[in-house]
Amino acid sequence: MWWSKYIKTNIHLGTKEKLILISVFFAIILFLIVQIYLLPAIANMKSLAKAIPNRQEDLKELVALRGEFFELRNKMAEINTAFQKRGPNFELLTFLEELAKRCNIENKIVSMRPIKHPSLLPNEMTVEINMDRLITEELTKYLYEIDNSGKLLYIKKTNIRSNYGRKKFLNVSLHVSTLTEKL
């Protein structure tokens, strides 16, 4: 054999012994290849196969979060547009008074005052409006005008009490809020 000249021993091996020695040598090499490369690769493939369903769930969650992100981004654009439309000198109290005049209920407003509550957001302003002797149509029109004003207003709290007499009147307390600065 070509490699036998590199091994200097006094042991003379026969053909059978040389074949056994070569077979053991290749078996050791094959064992090392399996241990070093093949078994870790198989273990890695198994762990990847287990991780694929988890990653697919993560991907679904990311797609859902992506949709939510774009929805929130669009809402932020709408909010910023509403800020631009209402102008820098917007006063909530004044606007609600003008809205009451348009709805012909300014004489039914008992009180209108800004309130500061510790649970409010730092850039949130709220006005409390107390009205007496409203009919349902007047209240509906006023609430509709507030909601569809395009001035970024929202009704935070509503308290309606019936005041029975010849006609059914309503005593109403509203908390109308808005943001005071851009987000």
C-alpha atoms as a PDB file:
ATOM      1  CA  MET A   1       0.000   0.000   0.000  1.00  0.00           C
ATOM      2  CA  TRP A   2       1.136   3.530  -0.699  1.00  0.00           C
ATOM      3  CA  TRP A   3       0.749   4.703   2.900  1.00  0.00           C
ATOM      4  CA  SER A   4       2.594   1.756   4.399  1.00  0.00           C
ATOM      5  CA  LYS A   5       5.958   3.222   3.480  1.00  0.00           C
ATOM      6  CA  TYR A   6       5.276   6.145   5.877  1.00  0.00           C
ATOM      7  CA  ILE A   7       4.703   3.885   8.836  1.00  0.00           C
ATOM      8  CA  LYS A   8       7.990   2.387  10.017  1.00  0.00           C
ATOM      9  CA  THR A   9       7.329  -0.604  12.184  1.00  0.00           C
ATOM     10  CA  ASN A  10       8.862  -4.008  12.598  1.00  0.00           C
ATOM     11  CA  ILE A  11       5.437  -5.560  12.466  1.00  0.00           C
ATOM     12  CA  HIS A  12       4.651  -7.236   9.220  1.00  0.00           C
ATOM     13  CA  LEU A  13       0.973  -7.327   8.461  1.00  0.00           C
ATOM     14  CA  GLY A  14      -0.693  -9.673   6.152  1.00  0.00           C
ATOM     15  CA  THR A  15      -3.333  -8.761   3.636  1.00  0.00           C
ATOM     16  CA  LYS A  16      -6.200  -9.618   6.008  1.00  0.00           C
ATOM     17  CA  GLU A  17      -4.724  -7.569   8.818  1.00  0.00           C
ATOM     18  CA  LYS A  18      -4.106  -4.632   6.489  1.00  0.00           C
ATOM     19  CA  LEU A  19      -7.718  -4.753   5.293  1.00  0.00           C
ATOM     20  CA  ILE A  20      -8.979  -4.899   8.888  1.00  0.00           C
ATOM     21  CA  LEU A  21      -6.730  -1.985   9.848  1.00  0.00           C
ATOM     22  CA  ILE A  22      -7.888   0.063   6.839  1.00  0.00           C
ATOM     23  CA  SER A  23     -11.535  -0.801   7.618  1.00  0.00           C
ATOM     24  CA  VAL A  24     -11.133   0.286  11.272  1.00  0.00           C
ATOM     25  CA  PHE A  25      -9.402   3.469  10.148  1.00  0.00           C
ATOM     26  CA  PHE A  26     -12.237   4.328   7.733  1.00  0.00           C
ATOM     27  CA  ALA A  27     -14.831   3.345  10.365  1.00  0.00           C
ATOM     28  CA  ILE A  28     -13.229   5.775  12.832  1.00  0.00           C
ATOM     29  CA  ILE A  29     -13.182   8.518  10.165  1.00  0.00           C
ATOM     30  CA  LEU A  30     -16.812   7.778   9.289  1.00  0.00           C
ATOM     31  CA  PHE A  31     -17.783   7.773  12.991  1.00  0.00           C
ATOM     32  CA  LEU A  32     -16.088  11.145  13.484  1.00  0.00           C
ATOM     33  CA  ILE A  33     -17.821  12.618  10.431  1.00  0.00           C
ATOM     34  CA  VAL A  34     -21.187  11.382  11.700  1.00  0.00           C
ATOM     35  CA  GLN A  35     -20.521  12.731  15.214  1.00  0.00           C
ATOM     36  CA  ILE A  36     -19.115  16.089  14.148  1.00  0.00           C
ATOM     37  CA  TYR A  37     -21.293  16.948  11.138  1.00  0.00           C
ATOM     38  CA  LEU A  38     -24.254  14.663  10.609  1.00  0.00           C
ATOM     39  CA  LEU A  39     -25.753  14.349  14.124  1.00  0.00           C
ATOM     40  CA  PRO A  40     -25.602  18.094  14.863  1.00  0.00           C
ATOM     41  CA  ALA A  41     -27.162  18.777  11.452  1.00  0.00           C
ATOM     42  CA  ILE A  42     -30.005  16.350  12.193  1.00  0.00           C
ATOM     43  CA  ALA A  43     -30.553  17.879  15.632  1.00  0.00           C
ATOM     44  CA  ASN A  44     -30.553  21.337  14.066  1.00  0.00           C
ATOM     45  CA  MET A  45     -33.113  20.242  11.460  1.00  0.00           C
ATOM     46  CA  LYS A  46     -35.357  18.830  14.200  1.00  0.00           C
ATOM     47  CA  SER A  47     -35.193  22.043  16.216  1.00  0.00           C
ATOM     48  CA  LEU A  48     -35.918  24.069  13.079  1.00  0.00           C
ATOM     49  CA  ALA A  49     -38.872  21.830  12.279  1.00  0.00           C
ATOM     50  CA  LYS A  50     -40.227  22.446  15.793  1.00  0.00           C
ATOM     51  CA  ALA A  51     -39.618  26.203  15.473  1.00  0.00           C
ATOM     52  CA  ILE A  52     -41.445  26.592  12.149  1.00  0.00           C
ATOM     53  CA  PRO A  53     -44.992  26.546  13.638  1.00  0.00           C
ATOM     54  CA  ASN A  54     -43.929  29.057  16.291  1.00  0.00           C
ATOM     55  CA  ARG A  55     -42.406  31.300  13.646  1.00  0.00           C
ATOM     56  CA  GLN A  56     -45.550  31.010  11.528  1.00  0.00           C
ATOM     57  CA  GLU A  57     -47.609  32.195  14.516  1.00  0.00           C
ATOM     58  CA  ASP A  58     -45.139  35.057  15.013  1.00  0.00           C
ATOM     59  CA  LEU A  59     -45.495  35.948  11.349  1.00  0.00           C
ATOM     60  CA  LYS A  60     -49.297  36.015  11.631  1.00  0.00           C
ATOM     61  CA  GLU A  61     -48.990  38.259  14.678  1.00  0.00           C
ATOM     62  CA  LEU A  62     -46.599  40.566  12.835  1.00  0.00           C
ATOM     63  CA  VAL A  63     -49.015  40.828   9.916  1.00  0.00           C
ATOM     64  CA  ALA A  64     -51.840  41.703  12.337  1.00  0.00           C
ATOM     65  CA  LEU A  65     -49.634  44.257  14.093  1.00  0.00           C
ATOM     66  CA  ARG A  66     -48.674  45.720  10.724  1.00  0.00           C
ATOM     67  CA  GLY A  67     -52.334  46.262   9.911  1.00  0.00           C
ATOM     68  CA  GLU A  68     -52.928  47.796  13.328  1.00  0.00           C
ATOM     69  CA  PHE A  69     -49.897  50.060  12.869  1.00  0.00           C
ATOM     70  CA  PHE A  70     -51.142  51.378   9.537  1.00  0.00           C
ATOM     71  CA  GLU A  71     -54.621  51.877  10.980  1.00  0.00           C
ATOM     72  CA  LEU A  72     -53.175  53.863  13.887  1.00  0.00           C
ATOM     73  CA  ARG A  73     -50.981  55.849  11.522  1.00  0.00           C
ATOM     74  CA  ASN A  74     -54.036  56.760   9.436  1.00  0.00           C
ATOM     75  CA  LYS A  75     -55.923  57.792  12.577  1.00  0.00           C
ATOM     76  CA  MET A  76     -52.973  59.956  13.625  1.00  0.00           C
ATOM     77  CA  ALA A  77     -53.039  61.617  10.206  1.00  0.00           C
ATOM     78  CA  GLU A  78     -56.778  62.265  10.635  1.00  0.00           C
ATOM     79  CA  ILE A  79     -56.180  63.739  14.091  1.00  0.00           C
ATOM     80  CA  ASN A  80     -53.422  66.000  12.807  1.00  0.00           C
ATOM     81  CA  THR A  81     -55.663  67.077   9.913  1.00  0.00           C
ATOM     82  CA  ALA A  82     -58.436  67.901  12.399  1.00  0.00           C
ATOM     83  CA  PHE A  83     -55.937  70.000  14.394  1.00  0.00           C
ATOM     84  CA  GLN A  84     -55.013  71.912  11.266  1.00  0.00           C
ATOM     85  CA  LYS A  85     -58.671  72.452  10.307  1.00  0.00           C
ATOM     86  CA  ARG A  86     -59.719  73.860  13.651  1.00  0.00           C
ATOM     87  CA  GLY A  87     -56.826  76.284  13.789  1.00  0.00           C
ATOM     88  CA  PRO A  88     -54.463  77.377  16.552  1.00  0.00           C
ATOM     89  CA  ASN A  89     -56.976  79.668  18.309  1.00  0.00           C
ATOM     90  CA  PHE A  90     -59.640  77.020  18.921  1.00  0.00           C
ATOM     91  CA  GLU A  91     -61.462  77.387  22.248  1.00  0.00           C
ATOM     92  CA  LEU A  92     -63.676  74.483  23.291  1.00  0.00           C
ATOM     93  CA  LEU A  93     -65.960  76.517  25.524  1.00  0.00           C
ATOM     94  CA  THR A  94     -66.586  79.150  22.841  1.00  0.00           C
ATOM     95  CA  PHE A  95     -67.180  76.537  20.157  1.00  0.00           C
ATOM     96  CA  LEU A  96     -69.740  74.677  22.318  1.00  0.00           C
ATOM     97  CA  GLU A  97     -71.593  77.961  22.982  1.00  0.00           C
ATOM     98  CA  GLU A  98     -71.739  78.713  19.248  1.00  0.00           C
ATOM     99  CA  LEU A  99     -72.949  75.178  18.590  1.00  0.00           C
ATOM    100  CA  ALA A 100     -75.715  75.624  21.197  1.00  0.00           C
ATOM    101  CA  LYS A 101     -76.795  78.844  19.437  1.00  0.00           C
ATOM    102  CA  ARG A 102     -76.959  77.019  16.098  1.00  0.00           C
ATOM    103  CA  CYS A 103     -79.100  74.302  17.702  1.00  0.00           C
ATOM    104  CA  ASN A 104     -81.325  76.948  19.423  1.00  0.00           C
ATOM    105  CA  ILE A 105     -80.702  75.623  22.924  1.00  0.00           C
ATOM    106  CA  GLU A 106     -78.504  78.427  24.323  1.00  0.00           C
ATOM    107  CA  ASN A 107     -81.319  79.511  26.691  1.00  0.00           C
ATOM    108  CA  LYS A 108     -81.545  75.978  28.130  1.00  0.00           C
ATOM    109  CA  ILE A 109     -77.913  75.857  29.237  1.00  0.00           C
ATOM    110  CA  VAL A 110     -77.691  76.258  32.997  1.00  0.00           C
ATOM    111  CA  SER A 111     -73.917  76.148  33.291  1.00  0.00           C
ATOM    112  CA  MET A 112     -70.902  75.538  31.144  1.00  0.00           C
ATOM    113  CA  ARG A 113     -67.499  75.287  32.772  1.00  0.00           C
ATOM    114  CA  PRO A 114     -64.095  73.785  32.064  1.00  0.00           C
ATOM    115  CA  ILE A 115     -63.138  71.044  34.474  1.00  0.00           C
ATOM    116  CA  LYS A 116     -59.750  69.752  35.497  1.00  0.00           C
ATOM    117  CA  HIS A 117     -59.757  66.187  36.678  1.00  0.00           C
ATOM    118  CA  PRO A 118     -56.644  64.281  37.817  1.00  0.00           C
ATOM    119  CA  SER A 119     -57.497  61.335  35.577  1.00  0.00           C
ATOM    120  CA  LEU A 120     -57.463  63.477  32.426  1.00  0.00           C
ATOM    121  CA  LEU A 121     -54.660  63.198  29.938  1.00  0.00           C
ATOM    122  CA  PRO A 122     -52.145  66.056  30.164  1.00  0.00           C
ATOM    123  CA  ASN A 123     -53.163  67.452  26.772  1.00  0.00           C
ATOM    124  CA  GLU A 124     -56.911  66.929  27.237  1.00  0.00           C
ATOM    125  CA  MET A 125     -59.457  69.650  27.949  1.00  0.00           C
ATOM    126  CA  THR A 126     -62.976  68.902  29.184  1.00  0.00           C
ATOM    127  CA  VAL A 127     -66.026  71.147  29.498  1.00  0.00           C
ATOM    128  CA  GLU A 128     -69.026  70.239  31.628  1.00  0.00           C
ATOM    129  CA  ILE A 129     -72.380  71.409  30.247  1.00  0.00           C
ATOM    130  CA  ASN A 130     -75.555  71.317  32.330  1.00  0.00           C
ATOM    131  CA  MET A 131     -78.838  71.829  30.474  1.00  0.00           C
ATOM    132  CA  ASP A 132     -82.449  71.787  31.722  1.00  0.00           C
ATOM    133  CA  ARG A 133     -85.792  71.302  30.030  1.00  0.00           C
ATOM    134  CA  LEU A 134     -84.494  69.861  26.771  1.00  0.00           C
ATOM    135  CA  ILE A 135     -86.635  67.740  24.519  1.00  0.00           C
ATOM    136  CA  THR A 136     -85.195  64.615  22.947  1.00  0.00           C
ATOM    137  CA  GLU A 137     -84.897  66.117  19.458  1.00  0.00           C
ATOM    138  CA  GLU A 138     -82.886  69.092  20.742  1.00  0.00           C
ATOM    139  CA  LEU A 139     -80.527  66.850  22.666  1.00  0.00           C
ATOM    140  CA  THR A 140     -80.129  64.539  19.679  1.00  0.00           C
ATOM    141  CA  LYS A 141     -79.336  67.441  17.361  1.00  0.00           C
ATOM    142  CA  TYR A 142     -76.784  68.922  19.801  1.00  0.00           C
ATOM    143  CA  LEU A 143     -75.051  65.576  20.342  1.00  0.00           C
ATOM    144  CA  TYR A 144     -74.977  64.972  16.588  1.00  0.00           C
ATOM    145  CA  GLU A 145     -73.425  68.391  15.963  1.00  0.00           C
ATOM    146  CA  ILE A 146     -70.757  67.775  18.609  1.00  0.00           C
ATOM    147  CA  ASP A 147     -69.917  64.349  17.250  1.00  0.00           C
ATOM    148  CA  ASN A 148     -69.791  65.462  13.604  1.00  0.00           C
ATOM    149  CA  SER A 149     -68.135  68.840  14.117  1.00  0.00           C
ATOM    150  CA  GLY A 150     -64.783  67.722  12.694  1.00  0.00           C
ATOM    151  CA  LYS A 151     -63.079  69.507  15.576  1.00  0.00           C
ATOM    152  CA  LEU A 152     -61.832  66.364  17.309  1.00  0.00           C
ATOM    153  CA  LEU A 153     -64.498  66.478  20.024  1.00  0.00           C
ATOM    154  CA  TYR A 154     -65.831  63.496  21.889  1.00  0.00           C
ATOM    155  CA  ILE A 155     -68.456  63.086  24.544  1.00  0.00           C
ATOM    156  CA  LYS A 156     -66.805  61.584  27.549  1.00  0.00           C
ATOM    157  CA  LYS A 157     -69.735  61.376  29.941  1.00  0.00           C
ATOM    158  CA  THR A 158     -73.488  61.807  29.642  1.00  0.00           C
ATOM    159  CA  ASN A 159     -76.014  61.969  32.457  1.00  0.00           C
ATOM    160  CA  ILE A 160     -79.675  62.274  31.438  1.00  0.00           C
ATOM    161  CA  ARG A 161     -82.521  62.644  33.920  1.00  0.00           C
ATOM    162  CA  SER A 162     -86.214  62.816  33.075  1.00  0.00           C
ATOM    163  CA  ASN A 163     -88.146  65.870  34.279  1.00  0.00           C
ATOM    164  CA  TYR A 164     -91.823  64.989  33.952  1.00  0.00           C
ATOM    165  CA  GLY A 165     -94.378  67.737  33.579  1.00  0.00           C
ATOM    166  CA  ARG A 166     -96.919  68.456  30.885  1.00  0.00           C
ATOM    167  CA  LYS A 167     -94.198  67.574  28.421  1.00  0.00           C
ATOM    168  CA  LYS A 168     -91.397  65.136  29.020  1.00  0.00           C
ATOM    169  CA  PHE A 169     -88.286  67.258  29.443  1.00  0.00           C
ATOM    170  CA  LEU A 170     -84.734  66.101  30.022  1.00  0.00           C
ATOM    171  CA  ASN A 171     -82.105  67.484  32.359  1.00  0.00           C
ATOM    172  CA  VAL A 172     -78.733  66.713  30.839  1.00  0.00           C
ATOM    173  CA  SER A 173     -75.155  66.879  32.023  1.00  0.00           C
ATOM    174  CA  LEU A 174     -72.422  66.365  29.402  1.00  0.00           C
ATOM    175  CA  HIS A 175     -68.661  66.186  29.553  1.00  0.00           C
ATOM    176  CA  VAL A 176     -67.229  67.115  26.158  1.00  0.00           C
ATOM    177  CA  SER A 177     -63.485  66.643  25.671  1.00  0.00           C
ATOM    178  CA  THR A 178     -60.852  67.430  23.107  1.00  0.00           C
ATOM    179  CA  LEU A 179     -57.090  67.316  22.798  1.00  0.00           C
ATOM    180  CA  THR A 180     -55.273  70.634  23.099  1.00  0.00           C
ATOM    181  CA  GLU A 181     -52.095  69.849  21.185  1.00  0.00           C
ATOM    182  CA  LYS A 182     -50.892  67.580  18.424  1.00  0.00           C
ATOM    183  CA  LEU A 183     -49.811  64.070  19.257  1.00  0.00           C
END
